[in-house]
């Protein structure tokens, strides 16, 4: 009799186990796509729903946004700012853009830095300037350019950093685009550049320590404001702060700054005004001090944060820091950062 009771108990336990297992299977089957967990602690849908493992999404050390290529070494690409080259291609996908005058009271030029963005077309690519080199070194970037000033090329040809020069055009990294006036017809793409970097034997993994970021894209600002940077003539830049999107909409030369690839206006999340000494050099170049320290202001989430910038003059690979007035490193809103390098006495307004 005892054996019969034991067998019945075992049979009941087995049936209960099967029933619970079937129930769990049916519940999970109807829950939809599998979930991924990003490093911010939130769940993100996995559209395939086929991966049984949980994937971790990490953030760009520059923009603070989740992306698959977060560990990729940055590419720092010199772009044109001339009216004949507008609109530029791929500008909206940069993690960071550093803009400064390359001729006193005249031409400015941006260096667009890419970690996560992968524009299929990128340009127009322009020449190197030596002031940008140490900034690119501080980001652990591969510097991309189309020739350059002799000051810049002397350094680059001496091997101060990994770079890809369109004048040499290794492995067809660059191309001339039909229908675009020279010298603004030089283009490339992120895939071409990384393919070339790999074939040149450059390290492709980033060592850049990164910038700190706020936990989320959030603002309590309620009103629109305008930041006028005050560059000269057709290079004049302003940003209209939009509280609804918590973004700074970029204008240049009185017109919206459009990305030709998307047809949309550039919408940055952070603007930095970096004041420094700018002097003429040989009558056609600028000498811009980008090491040491100076005054700075960060515009983030509709507010102005006064402070300083600092970069170790003894170490070209040192990071460019931005501090508030209490010497704490400023945290950025996750998203694109624009650094506007201006003369100490340049008129900049926020109203």
Protein backbone atom coordinates (compact mmCIF):
# COMPACT_ATOMS: atom_id res chain seq x y z
CA UNK A 1 0.00 0.00 0.00
CA UNK A 2 2.88 2.36 0.91
CA UNK A 3 4.50 1.79 -2.55
CA UNK A 4 1.25 2.74 -4.30
CA UNK A 5 1.03 6.02 -2.31
CA UNK A 6 4.66 6.86 -3.11
CA UNK A 7 4.06 6.24 -6.81
CA UNK A 8 0.96 8.44 -6.79
CA UNK A 9 2.91 11.25 -5.06
CA UNK A 10 5.71 11.08 -7.61
CA UNK A 11 3.22 11.06 -10.49
CA UNK A 12 1.41 14.08 -9.05
CA UNK A 13 4.69 15.98 -8.63
CA UNK A 14 5.70 15.19 -12.21
CA UNK A 15 2.35 16.36 -13.62
CA UNK A 16 2.56 19.56 -11.53
CA UNK A 17 6.08 20.28 -12.83
CA UNK A 18 4.98 19.79 -16.43
CA UNK A 19 1.95 22.01 -15.95
CA UNK A 20 4.01 24.86 -14.46
CA UNK A 21 6.59 24.56 -17.24
CA UNK A 22 3.90 24.66 -19.93
CA UNK A 23 2.35 27.71 -18.33
CA UNK A 24 5.65 29.60 -18.24
CA UNK A 25 6.30 28.73 -21.87
CA UNK A 26 2.92 30.09 -22.97
CA UNK A 27 3.40 33.30 -20.98
CA UNK A 28 6.86 34.00 -22.41
CA UNK A 29 5.73 33.12 -25.91
CA UNK A 30 3.14 35.86 -25.89
CA UNK A 31 5.24 38.57 -24.25
CA UNK A 32 6.63 39.76 -27.60
CA UNK A 33 10.26 40.59 -28.42
CA UNK A 34 13.10 39.73 -26.12
CA UNK A 35 14.53 42.58 -24.07
CA UNK A 36 17.97 44.08 -23.92
CA UNK A 37 19.36 45.92 -20.90
CA UNK A 38 21.44 49.03 -21.46
CA UNK A 39 23.99 50.35 -19.01
CA UNK A 40 21.58 53.02 -17.83
CA UNK A 41 19.50 50.28 -16.24
CA UNK A 42 16.54 50.45 -18.64
CA UNK A 43 15.14 47.79 -20.92
CA UNK A 44 15.31 48.16 -24.69
CA UNK A 45 13.42 45.92 -27.16
CA UNK A 46 15.38 43.52 -29.31
CA UNK A 47 13.43 43.53 -32.64
CA UNK A 48 14.63 40.06 -33.66
CA UNK A 49 13.29 38.41 -30.52
CA UNK A 50 15.62 35.50 -31.32
CA UNK A 51 18.56 36.12 -29.03
CA UNK A 52 18.16 34.08 -25.86
CA UNK A 53 21.02 35.97 -24.20
CA UNK A 54 20.58 39.43 -22.66
CA UNK A 55 22.66 42.06 -24.52
CA UNK A 56 24.19 45.08 -22.80
CA UNK A 57 24.16 48.39 -24.67
CA UNK A 58 27.03 50.70 -23.70
CA UNK A 59 27.48 54.43 -24.20
CA UNK A 60 29.68 56.60 -26.35
CA UNK A 61 32.41 58.12 -24.16
CA UNK A 62 31.92 61.39 -26.05
CA UNK A 63 28.16 61.84 -26.53
CA UNK A 64 26.93 59.60 -23.72
CA UNK A 65 24.40 57.93 -26.04
CA UNK A 66 23.87 54.18 -26.24
CA UNK A 67 25.44 52.61 -29.31
CA UNK A 68 26.98 49.38 -30.52
CA UNK A 69 30.27 51.04 -31.55
CA UNK A 70 30.98 52.74 -28.21
CA UNK A 71 34.49 51.24 -27.93
CA UNK A 72 35.50 52.30 -31.45
CA UNK A 73 38.39 54.72 -31.75
CA UNK A 74 37.18 58.23 -32.70
CA UNK A 75 37.70 59.66 -36.18
CA UNK A 76 38.35 63.42 -36.17
CA UNK A 77 37.46 64.74 -39.64
CA UNK A 78 38.27 68.23 -40.94
CA UNK A 79 35.31 69.73 -42.80
CA UNK A 80 34.69 72.89 -44.78
CA UNK A 81 32.66 75.83 -43.51
CA UNK A 82 32.60 77.86 -46.73
CA UNK A 83 29.24 78.85 -48.19
CA UNK A 84 30.05 76.99 -51.43
CA UNK A 85 30.35 73.73 -49.49
CA UNK A 86 27.00 73.98 -47.69
CA UNK A 87 25.07 71.98 -46.72
CA UNK A 88 27.64 69.57 -45.30
CA UNK A 89 27.07 65.81 -45.33
CA UNK A 90 27.14 63.77 -42.13
CA UNK A 91 27.45 66.63 -39.65
CA UNK A 92 24.40 65.63 -37.59
CA UNK A 93 25.89 62.21 -36.79
CA UNK A 94 29.05 63.55 -35.15
CA UNK A 95 29.40 62.93 -31.40
CA UNK A 96 31.37 66.15 -31.02
CA UNK A 97 32.25 69.12 -33.25
CA UNK A 98 35.04 71.62 -32.51
CA UNK A 99 34.82 74.85 -34.53
CA UNK A 100 37.38 77.68 -34.61
CA UNK A 101 38.63 80.48 -36.88
CA UNK A 102 41.46 79.41 -39.20
CA UNK A 103 41.93 82.98 -40.50
CA UNK A 104 41.66 85.99 -38.17
CA UNK A 105 38.18 87.57 -38.30
CA UNK A 106 37.24 85.37 -41.25
CA UNK A 107 37.03 81.67 -42.19
CA UNK A 108 36.10 79.11 -39.56
CA UNK A 109 36.41 75.35 -39.88
CA UNK A 110 34.85 72.45 -37.93
CA UNK A 111 36.51 69.21 -36.86
CA UNK A 112 33.77 66.60 -36.56
CA UNK A 113 34.46 63.66 -34.25
CA UNK A 114 32.73 60.32 -34.85
CA UNK A 115 32.41 57.39 -32.46
CA UNK A 116 28.86 56.11 -32.93
CA UNK A 117 27.73 57.87 -36.10
CA UNK A 118 28.18 56.13 -39.45
CA UNK A 119 27.32 58.60 -42.25
CA UNK A 120 27.43 56.95 -45.66
CA UNK A 121 28.70 60.23 -47.10
CA UNK A 122 30.96 62.64 -45.25
CA UNK A 123 32.19 65.99 -46.51
CA UNK A 124 33.35 68.19 -47.85
CA UNK A 125 36.67 67.15 -46.32
CA UNK A 126 39.22 69.95 -46.00
CA UNK A 127 42.80 70.61 -44.95
CA UNK A 128 44.51 70.16 -41.60
CA UNK A 129 45.52 72.94 -39.23
CA UNK A 130 48.04 72.40 -36.45
CA UNK A 131 45.76 73.82 -33.74
CA UNK A 132 43.36 70.90 -34.21
CA UNK A 133 46.06 68.24 -33.96
CA UNK A 134 46.55 68.36 -30.20
CA UNK A 135 42.76 68.45 -29.70
CA UNK A 136 42.43 65.28 -31.80
CA UNK A 137 45.28 63.71 -29.83
CA UNK A 138 43.44 64.45 -26.60
CA UNK A 139 40.47 62.44 -27.90
CA UNK A 140 42.72 59.51 -28.93
CA UNK A 141 41.38 60.07 -32.44
CA UNK A 142 42.60 59.22 -35.93
CA UNK A 143 42.92 62.58 -37.69
CA UNK A 144 41.34 62.81 -41.17
CA UNK A 145 42.17 65.65 -43.58
CA UNK A 146 42.78 66.73 -47.19
CA UNK A 147 46.34 68.05 -47.13
CA UNK A 148 46.97 70.96 -44.79
CA UNK A 149 49.09 73.90 -43.76
CA UNK A 150 52.82 73.24 -43.67
CA UNK A 151 52.70 73.64 -39.88
CA UNK A 152 50.22 70.77 -39.66
CA UNK A 153 51.80 68.55 -42.31
CA UNK A 154 55.26 68.91 -40.75
CA UNK A 155 53.86 67.42 -37.55
CA UNK A 156 51.74 64.75 -39.19
CA UNK A 157 54.50 63.60 -41.55
CA UNK A 158 56.80 63.36 -38.52
CA UNK A 159 54.37 60.80 -37.08
CA UNK A 160 52.92 62.67 -34.10
CA UNK A 161 49.63 60.79 -34.52
CA UNK A 162 47.74 58.38 -36.75
CA UNK A 163 46.17 60.25 -39.66
CA UNK A 164 44.59 59.67 -43.06
CA UNK A 165 45.50 62.24 -45.73
CA UNK A 166 43.39 62.51 -48.88
CA UNK A 167 46.37 63.83 -50.84
CA UNK A 168 47.90 60.37 -50.40
CA UNK A 169 44.46 58.69 -50.54
CA UNK A 170 45.47 55.30 -49.12
CA UNK A 171 43.19 52.42 -50.13
CA UNK A 172 40.74 54.81 -51.87
CA UNK A 173 39.57 56.34 -48.62
CA UNK A 174 38.40 59.50 -50.44
CA UNK A 175 36.69 60.42 -53.68
CA UNK A 176 35.79 63.49 -55.73
CA UNK A 177 32.07 64.01 -56.13
CA UNK A 178 30.73 65.02 -59.54
CA UNK A 179 28.66 68.18 -59.73
CA UNK A 180 30.36 69.85 -56.74
CA UNK A 181 32.78 72.69 -57.37
CA UNK A 182 36.44 72.11 -56.42
CA UNK A 183 37.95 72.20 -53.81
CA UNK A 184 34.71 71.39 -52.00
CA UNK A 185 34.12 68.11 -53.85
CA UNK A 186 36.22 65.88 -51.58
CA UNK A 187 34.20 63.25 -49.68
CA UNK A 188 34.54 60.00 -47.77
CA UNK A 189 32.48 57.82 -45.41
CA UNK A 190 32.99 56.25 -42.01
CA UNK A 191 33.17 52.75 -43.51
CA UNK A 192 35.85 53.83 -46.02
CA UNK A 193 37.88 55.52 -43.31
CA UNK A 194 37.78 52.59 -40.89
CA UNK A 195 38.61 50.18 -43.69
CA UNK A 196 41.64 52.32 -44.50
CA UNK A 197 42.64 52.68 -40.85
CA UNK A 198 42.57 48.91 -40.47
CA UNK A 199 44.70 48.36 -43.58
CA UNK A 200 47.17 50.98 -42.36
CA UNK A 201 47.56 48.97 -39.16
CA UNK A 202 46.15 51.62 -36.87
CA UNK A 203 44.70 50.66 -33.50
CA UNK A 204 40.89 50.68 -33.78
CA UNK A 205 39.93 50.48 -30.09
CA UNK A 206 39.51 53.71 -28.13
CA UNK A 207 41.55 54.67 -25.08
CA UNK A 208 39.75 57.98 -24.53
CA UNK A 209 38.51 58.31 -20.94
CA UNK A 210 35.38 60.18 -22.01
CA UNK A 211 33.22 63.05 -20.77
CA UNK A 212 30.75 62.82 -17.86
CA UNK A 213 27.04 63.03 -18.63
CA UNK A 214 23.78 63.62 -16.84
CA UNK A 215 21.62 60.56 -16.24
CA UNK A 216 19.02 61.69 -18.75
CA UNK A 217 18.07 64.22 -21.42
CA UNK A 218 15.92 66.50 -19.28
CA UNK A 219 15.30 70.22 -18.84
CA UNK A 220 13.11 72.42 -16.67
CA UNK A 221 13.61 75.43 -18.96
CA UNK A 222 10.38 76.88 -20.34
CA UNK A 223 11.47 79.68 -22.66
CA UNK A 224 13.36 79.92 -25.92
CA UNK A 225 16.69 81.75 -25.91
CA UNK A 226 19.36 82.53 -28.51
CA UNK A 227 23.11 82.09 -28.24
CA UNK A 228 24.96 84.35 -30.69
CA UNK A 229 28.58 83.21 -31.14
CA UNK A 230 29.71 86.23 -33.15
CA UNK A 231 31.92 84.85 -35.90
CA UNK A 232 32.39 87.09 -38.95
CA UNK A 233 30.09 87.50 -41.96
CA UNK A 234 28.84 84.32 -43.61
CA UNK A 235 30.51 82.28 -40.84
CA UNK A 236 28.40 83.85 -38.10
CA UNK A 237 26.78 81.21 -35.88
CA UNK A 238 23.79 81.26 -33.58
CA UNK A 239 21.82 78.61 -31.72
CA UNK A 240 18.13 78.85 -30.88
CA UNK A 241 17.33 76.89 -27.73
CA UNK A 242 14.11 74.85 -28.08
CA UNK A 243 12.67 73.77 -24.69
CA UNK A 244 10.34 71.21 -26.28
CA UNK A 245 13.22 69.13 -27.62
CA UNK A 246 15.84 70.38 -25.15
CA UNK A 247 18.06 71.11 -28.16
CA UNK A 248 20.06 73.99 -29.62
CA UNK A 249 19.08 74.51 -33.27
CA UNK A 250 22.08 75.71 -35.27
CA UNK A 251 22.09 78.59 -37.77
CA UNK A 252 25.05 79.74 -39.87
CA UNK A 253 25.27 82.83 -42.06
CA UNK A 254 21.63 83.59 -41.27
CA UNK A 255 20.40 80.21 -42.55
CA UNK A 256 19.54 76.91 -40.91
CA UNK A 257 22.53 74.53 -40.69
CA UNK A 258 21.23 71.50 -42.58
CA UNK A 259 22.74 68.04 -42.88
CA UNK A 260 22.57 67.19 -46.58
CA UNK A 261 22.24 63.47 -45.78
CA UNK A 262 19.06 63.94 -43.76
CA UNK A 263 17.69 67.30 -44.88
CA UNK A 264 17.23 68.21 -41.21
CA UNK A 265 18.59 71.08 -39.12
CA UNK A 266 21.49 70.41 -36.79
CA UNK A 267 20.15 70.08 -33.23
CA UNK A 268 22.92 69.94 -30.62
CA UNK A 269 22.37 69.08 -26.98
CA UNK A 270 25.33 71.03 -25.60
CA UNK A 271 27.26 74.14 -26.64
CA UNK A 272 30.62 75.16 -25.16
CA UNK A 273 32.14 78.61 -25.61
CA UNK A 274 35.91 78.30 -25.16
CA UNK A 275 37.75 81.63 -24.95
CA UNK A 276 41.45 81.81 -25.82
CA UNK A 277 44.20 83.81 -27.56
CA UNK A 278 43.98 83.89 -31.37
CA UNK A 279 46.74 85.54 -33.41
CA UNK A 280 47.49 85.81 -37.16
CA UNK A 281 50.23 83.58 -38.54
CA UNK A 282 52.01 84.24 -41.86
CA UNK A 283 49.08 86.38 -43.00
CA UNK A 284 46.95 83.41 -44.01
CA UNK A 285 46.70 81.19 -40.92
CA UNK A 286 45.81 81.47 -37.26
CA UNK A 287 47.72 80.56 -34.16
CA UNK A 288 45.08 79.42 -31.66
CA UNK A 289 46.08 78.55 -28.12
CA UNK A 290 44.32 75.30 -27.23
CA UNK A 291 46.49 74.23 -24.28
CA UNK A 292 46.80 75.72 -20.82
CA UNK A 293 43.52 77.11 -19.54
CA UNK A 294 41.01 79.90 -19.98
CA UNK A 295 37.43 81.03 -19.55
CA UNK A 296 34.56 78.85 -20.76
CA UNK A 297 30.78 78.68 -20.63
CA UNK A 298 28.62 75.61 -21.16
CA UNK A 299 25.05 75.84 -22.43
CA UNK A 300 23.06 72.80 -21.40
CA UNK A 301 19.34 72.19 -20.85
CA UNK A 302 18.56 75.87 -21.39
CA UNK A 303 21.00 77.15 -18.77
CA UNK A 304 24.37 78.89 -18.87
CA UNK A 305 27.15 77.44 -16.69
CA UNK A 306 30.19 79.66 -16.26
CA UNK A 307 33.58 78.07 -15.79
CA UNK A 308 36.98 77.28 -17.28
CA UNK A 309 38.66 74.97 -19.77
CA UNK A 310 41.99 73.22 -19.25
CA UNK A 311 44.37 71.07 -21.30
CA UNK A 312 47.85 70.07 -20.12
CA UNK A 313 50.38 71.89 -22.33
CA UNK A 314 53.08 69.33 -21.50
CA UNK A 315 51.04 66.36 -22.72
CA UNK A 316 49.48 66.52 -26.22
CA UNK A 317 47.42 63.41 -25.47
CA UNK A 318 45.79 65.01 -22.42
CA UNK A 319 42.04 65.49 -22.39
CA UNK A 320 40.40 68.89 -22.86
CA UNK A 321 38.48 69.47 -19.60
CA UNK A 322 35.56 71.78 -18.83
CA UNK A 323 35.00 72.84 -15.22
CA UNK A 324 32.37 74.91 -13.44
CA UNK A 325 33.29 77.80 -11.13
CA UNK A 326 33.83 75.35 -8.26
CA UNK A 327 36.34 73.36 -10.34
CA UNK A 328 34.01 70.40 -10.80
CA UNK A 329 33.98 68.76 -14.23
CA UNK A 330 30.78 69.74 -16.00
CA UNK A 331 28.37 66.95 -16.96
CA UNK A 332 26.83 67.16 -20.41
CA UNK A 333 23.33 66.29 -21.53
CA UNK A 334 23.55 63.01 -23.51
CA UNK A 335 23.86 63.96 -27.18
CA UNK A 336 25.92 66.01 -29.59
CA UNK A 337 28.41 68.58 -28.21
CA UNK A 338 29.63 71.66 -30.12
CA UNK A 339 32.74 73.47 -28.88
CA UNK A 340 33.02 77.01 -30.25
CA UNK A 341 36.56 78.36 -29.86
CA UNK A 342 36.49 82.17 -29.81
CA UNK A 343 38.87 85.03 -29.13
CA UNK A 344 39.04 86.34 -25.57
CA UNK A 345 37.36 89.60 -26.62
CA UNK A 346 34.82 88.15 -29.08
CA UNK A 347 31.24 89.24 -28.49
CA UNK A 348 29.04 86.30 -27.44
CA UNK A 349 25.48 86.85 -26.21
CA UNK A 350 22.84 84.64 -24.55
CA UNK A 351 19.40 86.21 -24.44
